PDB file of all heavy atoms in Angstrom:
ATOM      1  N   ARG A   1       5.974  -7.836  -0.756  1.00  0.00           N
ATOM      2  CA  ARG A   1       5.819  -7.810   0.712  1.00  0.00           C
ATOM      3  C   ARG A   1       4.486  -7.049   1.003  1.00  0.00           C
ATOM      4  O   ARG A   1       4.233  -6.037   0.510  1.00  0.00           O
ATOM      5  CB  ARG A   1       6.955  -7.118   1.344  1.00  0.00           C
ATOM      6  CG  ARG A   1       6.839  -7.108   2.867  1.00  0.00           C
ATOM      7  CD  ARG A   1       8.288  -7.258   3.435  1.00  0.00           C
ATOM      8  NE  ARG A   1       8.166  -7.504   4.883  1.00  0.00           N
ATOM      9  CZ  ARG A   1       8.234  -8.565   5.585  1.00  0.00           C
ATOM     10  NH1 ARG A   1       8.482  -9.713   4.808  1.00  0.00           N
ATOM     11  NH2 ARG A   1       8.308  -8.675   6.815  1.00  0.00           N
ATOM     12  N   VAL A   2       3.690  -7.727   1.869  1.00  0.00           N
ATOM     13  CA  VAL A   2       2.433  -7.219   2.262  1.00  0.00           C
ATOM     14  C   VAL A   2       2.600  -6.712   3.615  1.00  0.00           C
ATOM     15  O   VAL A   2       3.156  -7.439   4.569  1.00  0.00           O
ATOM     16  CB  VAL A   2       1.248  -8.295   2.234  1.00  0.00           C
ATOM     17  CG1 VAL A   2      -0.009  -7.692   2.749  1.00  0.00           C
ATOM     18  CG2 VAL A   2       1.001  -8.685   0.771  1.00  0.00           C
ATOM     19  N   VAL A   3       2.213  -5.390   3.950  1.00  0.00           N
ATOM     20  CA  VAL A   3       2.370  -4.789   5.278  1.00  0.00           C
ATOM     21  C   VAL A   3       1.023  -4.270   5.652  1.00  0.00           C
ATOM     22  O   VAL A   3       0.392  -3.475   4.951  1.00  0.00           O
ATOM     23  CB  VAL A   3       3.400  -3.663   5.147  1.00  0.00           C
ATOM     24  CG1 VAL A   3       3.590  -3.104   6.545  1.00  0.00           C
ATOM     25  CG2 VAL A   3       4.683  -4.180   4.691  1.00  0.00           C
ATOM     26  N   ILE A   4       0.617  -4.651   6.852  1.00  0.00           N
ATOM     27  CA  ILE A   4      -0.630  -4.207   7.422  1.00  0.00           C
ATOM     28  C   ILE A   4      -0.305  -3.458   8.697  1.00  0.00           C
ATOM     29  O   ILE A   4       0.318  -4.017   9.691  1.00  0.00           O
ATOM     30  CB  ILE A   4      -1.677  -5.319   7.805  1.00  0.00           C
ATOM     31  CG1 ILE A   4      -1.792  -6.318   6.654  1.00  0.00           C
ATOM     32  CG2 ILE A   4      -3.051  -4.807   8.211  1.00  0.00           C
ATOM     33  CD1 ILE A   4      -2.343  -5.837   5.347  1.00  0.00           C
ATOM     34  N   ASP A   5      -0.609  -2.134   8.803  1.00  0.00           N
ATOM     35  CA  ASP A   5      -0.191  -1.311   9.820  1.00  0.00           C
ATOM     36  C   ASP A   5      -1.384  -0.676  10.401  1.00  0.00           C
ATOM     37  O   ASP A   5      -2.488  -0.602   9.844  1.00  0.00           O
ATOM     38  CB  ASP A   5       0.731  -0.212   9.223  1.00  0.00           C
ATOM     39  CG  ASP A   5       1.947   0.021  10.050  1.00  0.00           C
ATOM     40  OD1 ASP A   5       2.033  -0.444  11.205  1.00  0.00           O
ATOM     41  OD2 ASP A   5       2.822   0.717   9.540  1.00  0.00           O
ATOM     42  N   ARG A   6      -1.213  -0.176  11.667  1.00  0.00           N
ATOM     43  CA  ARG A   6      -2.379   0.602  12.312  1.00  0.00           C
ATOM     44  C   ARG A   6      -1.817   1.930  12.839  1.00  0.00           C
ATOM     45  O   ARG A   6      -1.313   2.140  13.871  1.00  0.00           O
ATOM     46  CB  ARG A   6      -2.791  -0.199  13.540  1.00  0.00           C
ATOM     47  CG  ARG A   6      -3.989   0.419  14.222  1.00  0.00           C
ATOM     48  CD  ARG A   6      -4.430  -0.390  15.358  1.00  0.00           C
ATOM     49  NE  ARG A   6      -5.675   0.182  15.954  1.00  0.00           N
ATOM     50  CZ  ARG A   6      -6.109  -0.238  17.188  1.00  0.00           C
ATOM     51  NH1 ARG A   6      -5.566  -1.182  17.865  1.00  0.00           N
ATOM     52  NH2 ARG A   6      -7.176   0.329  17.651  1.00  0.00           N
ATOM     53  N   PRO A   7      -1.775   2.921  11.850  1.00  0.00           N
ATOM     54  CA  PRO A   7      -1.259   4.232  12.212  1.00  0.00           C
ATOM     55  C   PRO A   7      -2.141   5.153  13.208  1.00  0.00           C
ATOM     56  O   PRO A   7      -1.748   6.156  13.672  1.00  0.00           O
ATOM     57  CB  PRO A   7      -1.201   4.918  10.896  1.00  0.00           C
ATOM     58  CG  PRO A   7      -2.100   4.278   9.987  1.00  0.00           C
ATOM     59  CD  PRO A   7      -2.191   2.799  10.574  1.00  0.00           C
ATOM     60  N   GLY A   8      -3.358   4.694  13.413  1.00  0.00           N
ATOM     61  CA  GLY A   8      -4.258   5.385  14.352  1.00  0.00           C
ATOM     62  C   GLY A   8      -5.243   4.330  14.945  1.00  0.00           C
ATOM     63  O   GLY A   8      -5.367   3.184  14.491  1.00  0.00           O
ATOM     64  N   ALA A   9      -5.992   4.821  15.993  1.00  0.00           N
ATOM     65  CA  ALA A   9      -6.862   3.923  16.717  1.00  0.00           C
ATOM     66  C   ALA A   9      -7.922   3.263  15.824  1.00  0.00           C
ATOM     67  O   ALA A   9      -8.264   2.030  16.001  1.00  0.00           O
ATOM     68  CB  ALA A   9      -7.621   4.734  17.785  1.00  0.00           C
ATOM     69  N   ALA A  10      -8.399   3.988  14.814  1.00  0.00           N
ATOM     70  CA  ALA A  10      -9.437   3.401  13.879  1.00  0.00           C
ATOM     71  C   ALA A  10      -8.945   3.388  12.448  1.00  0.00           C
ATOM     72  O   ALA A  10      -9.843   3.460  11.539  1.00  0.00           O
ATOM     73  CB  ALA A  10     -10.778   4.143  14.057  1.00  0.00           C
ATOM     74  N   ARG A  11      -7.624   3.398  12.231  1.00  0.00           N
ATOM     75  CA  ARG A  11      -7.159   3.459  10.916  1.00  0.00           C
ATOM     76  C   ARG A  11      -6.195   2.289  10.611  1.00  0.00           C
ATOM     77  O   ARG A  11      -5.328   1.911  11.481  1.00  0.00           O
ATOM     78  CB  ARG A  11      -6.390   4.780  10.701  1.00  0.00           C
ATOM     79  CG  ARG A  11      -5.979   5.071   9.225  1.00  0.00           C
ATOM     80  CD  ARG A  11      -5.235   6.327   9.111  1.00  0.00           C
ATOM     81  NE  ARG A  11      -5.723   7.574   8.706  1.00  0.00           N
ATOM     82  CZ  ARG A  11      -6.456   7.775   7.630  1.00  0.00           C
ATOM     83  NH1 ARG A  11      -6.870   6.879   6.851  1.00  0.00           N
ATOM     84  NH2 ARG A  11      -6.871   9.022   7.344  1.00  0.00           N
ATOM     85  N   VAL A  12      -6.410   1.606   9.530  1.00  0.00           N
ATOM     86  CA  VAL A  12      -5.582   0.547   9.067  1.00  0.00           C
ATOM     87  C   VAL A  12      -4.952   0.931   7.747  1.00  0.00           C
ATOM     88  O   VAL A  12      -5.640   1.346   6.797  1.00  0.00           O
ATOM     89  CB  VAL A  12      -6.366  -0.809   9.054  1.00  0.00           C
ATOM     90  CG1 VAL A  12      -5.478  -1.899   8.351  1.00  0.00           C
ATOM     91  CG2 VAL A  12      -6.832  -1.161  10.291  1.00  0.00           C
ATOM     92  N   ARG A  13      -3.663   0.678   7.670  1.00  0.00           N
ATOM     93  CA  ARG A  13      -2.957   0.940   6.402  1.00  0.00           C
ATOM     94  C   ARG A  13      -2.567  -0.429   5.785  1.00  0.00           C
ATOM     95  O   ARG A  13      -1.899  -1.200   6.434  1.00  0.00           O
ATOM     96  CB  ARG A  13      -1.726   1.815   6.451  1.00  0.00           C
ATOM     97  CG  ARG A  13      -0.956   1.961   5.219  1.00  0.00           C
ATOM     98  CD  ARG A  13       0.017   3.068   5.178  1.00  0.00           C
ATOM     99  NE  ARG A  13      -0.633   4.311   5.031  1.00  0.00           N
ATOM    100  CZ  ARG A  13      -0.117   5.503   4.885  1.00  0.00           C
ATOM    101  NH1 ARG A  13       1.236   5.552   4.864  1.00  0.00           N
ATOM    102  NH2 ARG A  13      -0.825   6.576   4.712  1.00  0.00           N
ATOM    103  N   VAL A  14      -2.965  -0.664   4.410  1.00  0.00           N
ATOM    104  CA  VAL A  14      -2.639  -1.867   3.737  1.00  0.00           C
ATOM    105  C   VAL A  14      -1.592  -1.435   2.707  1.00  0.00           C
ATOM    106  O   VAL A  14      -1.925  -0.468   1.952  1.00  0.00           O
ATOM    107  CB  VAL A  14      -3.893  -2.354   3.117  1.00  0.00           C
ATOM    108  CG1 VAL A  14      -3.521  -3.627   2.222  1.00  0.00           C
ATOM    109  CG2 VAL A  14      -4.927  -2.618   4.094  1.00  0.00           C
ATOM    110  N   GLY A  15      -0.345  -2.099   2.735  1.00  0.00           N
ATOM    111  CA  GLY A  15       0.588  -1.735   1.719  1.00  0.00           C
ATOM    112  C   GLY A  15       1.148  -2.998   0.996  1.00  0.00           C
ATOM    113  O   GLY A  15       1.195  -4.093   1.612  1.00  0.00           O
ATOM    114  N   VAL A  16       1.471  -2.859  -0.228  1.00  0.00           N
ATOM    115  CA  VAL A  16       2.147  -3.897  -1.077  1.00  0.00           C
ATOM    116  C   VAL A  16       3.415  -3.317  -1.582  1.00  0.00           C
ATOM    117  O   VAL A  16       3.382  -2.388  -2.318  1.00  0.00           O
ATOM    118  CB  VAL A  16       1.295  -4.538  -2.007  1.00  0.00           C
ATOM    119  CG1 VAL A  16       1.993  -5.605  -2.921  1.00  0.00           C
ATOM    120  CG2 VAL A  16       0.073  -5.154  -1.377  1.00  0.00           C
ATOM    121  N   ALA A  17       4.533  -3.867  -1.151  1.00  0.00           N
ATOM    122  CA  ALA A  17       5.891  -3.495  -1.674  1.00  0.00           C
ATOM    123  C   ALA A  17       6.434  -4.375  -2.678  1.00  0.00           C
ATOM    124  O   ALA A  17       6.280  -5.571  -2.557  1.00  0.00           O
ATOM    125  CB  ALA A  17       6.869  -3.276  -0.546  1.00  0.00           C
ATOM    126  N   ASP A  18       7.045  -3.732  -3.804  1.00  0.00           N
ATOM    127  CA  ASP A  18       7.669  -4.609  -4.707  1.00  0.00           C
ATOM    128  C   ASP A  18       8.884  -3.906  -5.271  1.00  0.00           C
ATOM    129  O   ASP A  18       9.067  -2.677  -4.974  1.00  0.00           O
ATOM    130  CB  ASP A  18       6.757  -5.037  -5.868  1.00  0.00           C
ATOM    131  CG  ASP A  18       6.245  -3.751  -6.730  1.00  0.00           C
ATOM    132  OD1 ASP A  18       7.166  -3.182  -7.383  1.00  0.00           O
ATOM    133  OD2 ASP A  18       5.091  -3.546  -6.736  1.00  0.00           O
ATOM    134  N   LEU A  19       9.774  -4.528  -5.987  1.00  0.00           N
ATOM    135  CA  LEU A  19      10.997  -4.004  -6.384  1.00  0.00           C
ATOM    136  C   LEU A  19      10.960  -3.272  -7.766  1.00  0.00           C
ATOM    137  O   LEU A  19      11.941  -2.841  -8.305  1.00  0.00           O
ATOM    138  CB  LEU A  19      12.046  -5.093  -6.488  1.00  0.00           C
ATOM    139  CG  LEU A  19      12.502  -5.649  -5.083  1.00  0.00           C
ATOM    140  CD1 LEU A  19      13.385  -6.825  -5.302  1.00  0.00           C
ATOM    141  CD2 LEU A  19      13.010  -4.664  -4.177  1.00  0.00           C
ATOM    142  N   SER A  20       9.737  -3.086  -8.297  1.00  0.00           N
ATOM    143  CA  SER A  20       9.568  -2.299  -9.481  1.00  0.00           C
ATOM    144  C   SER A  20       9.402  -0.781  -9.291  1.00  0.00           C
ATOM    145  O   SER A  20       8.626  -0.472  -8.351  1.00  0.00           O
ATOM    146  CB  SER A  20       8.390  -2.810 -10.249  1.00  0.00           C
ATOM    147  OG  SER A  20       8.076  -1.959 -11.363  1.00  0.00           O
ATOM    148  N   ARG A  21       9.959   0.035 -10.023  1.00  0.00           N
ATOM    149  CA  ARG A  21       9.787   1.432  -9.819  1.00  0.00           C
ATOM    150  C   ARG A  21       8.676   1.973 -10.798  1.00  0.00           C
ATOM    151  O   ARG A  21       8.330   3.105 -10.660  1.00  0.00           O
ATOM    152  CB  ARG A  21      11.072   2.217 -10.111  1.00  0.00           C
ATOM    153  CG  ARG A  21      12.198   1.885  -9.097  1.00  0.00           C
ATOM    154  CD  ARG A  21      13.287   2.726  -9.130  1.00  0.00           C
ATOM    155  NE  ARG A  21      12.847   4.099  -9.102  1.00  0.00           N
ATOM    156  CZ  ARG A  21      13.158   4.959  -8.074  1.00  0.00           C
ATOM    157  NH1 ARG A  21      13.877   4.547  -7.070  1.00  0.00           N
ATOM    158  NH2 ARG A  21      12.837   6.156  -8.129  1.00  0.00           N
ATOM    159  N   LEU A  22       8.049   1.026 -11.517  1.00  0.00           N
ATOM    160  CA  LEU A  22       6.938   1.422 -12.414  1.00  0.00           C
ATOM    161  C   LEU A  22       5.782   1.754 -11.534  1.00  0.00           C
ATOM    162  O   LEU A  22       5.285   0.886 -10.794  1.00  0.00           O
ATOM    163  CB  LEU A  22       6.589   0.307 -13.350  1.00  0.00           C
ATOM    164  CG  LEU A  22       5.607   0.499 -14.410  1.00  0.00           C
ATOM    165  CD1 LEU A  22       6.000   1.584 -15.358  1.00  0.00           C
ATOM    166  CD2 LEU A  22       5.291  -0.789 -15.154  1.00  0.00           C
ATOM    167  N   ARG A  23       5.228   2.886 -11.713  1.00  0.00           N
ATOM    168  CA  ARG A  23       4.057   3.332 -10.916  1.00  0.00           C
ATOM    169  C   ARG A  23       2.792   2.833 -11.473  1.00  0.00           C
ATOM    170  O   ARG A  23       2.584   2.865 -12.705  1.00  0.00           O
ATOM    171  CB  ARG A  23       4.021   4.896 -10.874  1.00  0.00           C
ATOM    172  CG  ARG A  23       5.228   5.544 -10.093  1.00  0.00           C
ATOM    173  CD  ARG A  23       5.176   6.993 -10.230  1.00  0.00           C
ATOM    174  NE  ARG A  23       3.981   7.606  -9.674  1.00  0.00           N
ATOM    175  CZ  ARG A  23       3.946   8.000  -8.400  1.00  0.00           C
ATOM    176  NH1 ARG A  23       4.914   7.914  -7.589  1.00  0.00           N
ATOM    177  NH2 ARG A  23       2.789   8.490  -8.004  1.00  0.00           N
ATOM    178  N   PRO A  24       1.805   2.319 -10.682  1.00  0.00           N
ATOM    179  CA  PRO A  24       0.517   1.947 -11.196  1.00  0.00           C
ATOM    180  C   PRO A  24      -0.242   3.192 -11.674  1.00  0.00           C
ATOM    181  O   PRO A  24      -0.097   4.250 -11.074  1.00  0.00           O
ATOM    182  CB  PRO A  24      -0.192   1.249 -10.052  1.00  0.00           C
ATOM    183  CG  PRO A  24       0.549   1.842  -8.799  1.00  0.00           C
ATOM    184  CD  PRO A  24       1.939   2.149  -9.274  1.00  0.00           C
ATOM    185  N   VAL A  25      -1.065   2.953 -12.628  1.00  0.00           N
ATOM    186  CA  VAL A  25      -1.884   4.043 -13.254  1.00  0.00           C
ATOM    187  C   VAL A  25      -3.387   3.619 -13.095  1.00  0.00           C
ATOM    188  O   VAL A  25      -3.825   2.532 -13.544  1.00  0.00           O
ATOM    189  CB  VAL A  25      -1.445   4.220 -14.726  1.00  0.00           C
ATOM    190  CG1 VAL A  25      -2.329   5.351 -15.305  1.00  0.00           C
ATOM    191  CG2 VAL A  25      -0.026   4.591 -14.820  1.00  0.00           C
ATOM    192  N   GLN A  26      -4.135   4.534 -12.542  1.00  0.00           N
ATOM    193  CA  GLN A  26      -5.608   4.413 -12.496  1.00  0.00           C
ATOM    194  C   GLN A  26      -6.099   4.804 -13.916  1.00  0.00           C
ATOM    195  O   GLN A  26      -5.787   5.783 -14.403  1.00  0.00           O
ATOM    196  CB  GLN A  26      -6.148   5.376 -11.399  1.00  0.00           C
ATOM    197  CG  GLN A  26      -7.524   5.108 -11.148  1.00  0.00           C
ATOM    198  CD  GLN A  26      -8.089   5.992  -9.978  1.00  0.00           C
ATOM    199  OE1 GLN A  26      -7.303   6.329  -9.133  1.00  0.00           O
ATOM    200  NE2 GLN A  26      -9.298   6.248  -9.930  1.00  0.00           N
ATOM    201  N   ARG A  27      -6.831   3.839 -14.514  1.00  0.00           N
ATOM    202  CA  ARG A  27      -7.234   4.174 -15.887  1.00  0.00           C
ATOM    203  C   ARG A  27      -8.736   3.859 -16.036  1.00  0.00           C
ATOM    204  O   ARG A  27      -9.335   3.262 -15.163  1.00  0.00           O
ATOM    205  CB  ARG A  27      -6.483   3.312 -16.887  1.00  0.00           C
ATOM    206  CG  ARG A  27      -6.683   1.741 -16.776  1.00  0.00           C
ATOM    207  CD  ARG A  27      -5.731   1.064 -17.752  1.00  0.00           C
ATOM    208  NE  ARG A  27      -5.884  -0.342 -17.731  1.00  0.00           N
ATOM    209  CZ  ARG A  27      -6.741  -1.036 -18.495  1.00  0.00           C
ATOM    210  NH1 ARG A  27      -7.467  -0.436 -19.413  1.00  0.00           N
ATOM    211  NH2 ARG A  27      -6.802  -2.251 -18.373  1.00  0.00           N
ATOM    212  N   GLU A  28      -9.290   4.258 -17.138  1.00  0.00           N
ATOM    213  CA  GLU A  28     -10.700   3.989 -17.502  1.00  0.00           C
ATOM    214  C   GLU A  28     -10.780   2.647 -18.159  1.00  0.00           C
ATOM    215  O   GLU A  28     -10.016   2.405 -19.030  1.00  0.00           O
ATOM    216  CB  GLU A  28     -11.217   5.094 -18.416  1.00  0.00           C
ATOM    217  CG  GLU A  28     -11.335   6.378 -17.770  1.00  0.00           C
ATOM    218  CD  GLU A  28     -12.475   6.512 -16.803  1.00  0.00           C
ATOM    219  OE1 GLU A  28     -13.492   5.769 -16.890  1.00  0.00           O
ATOM    220  OE2 GLU A  28     -12.371   7.303 -15.877  1.00  0.00           O
TER     221      GLU A  28
END
């Protein structure tokens, strides 16, 4: 599920929801 929200006048939140509890890892 892709969710695009506007929590502030000049702020946009982009979210992607999925059913996995596995957290993404930022890697080199």
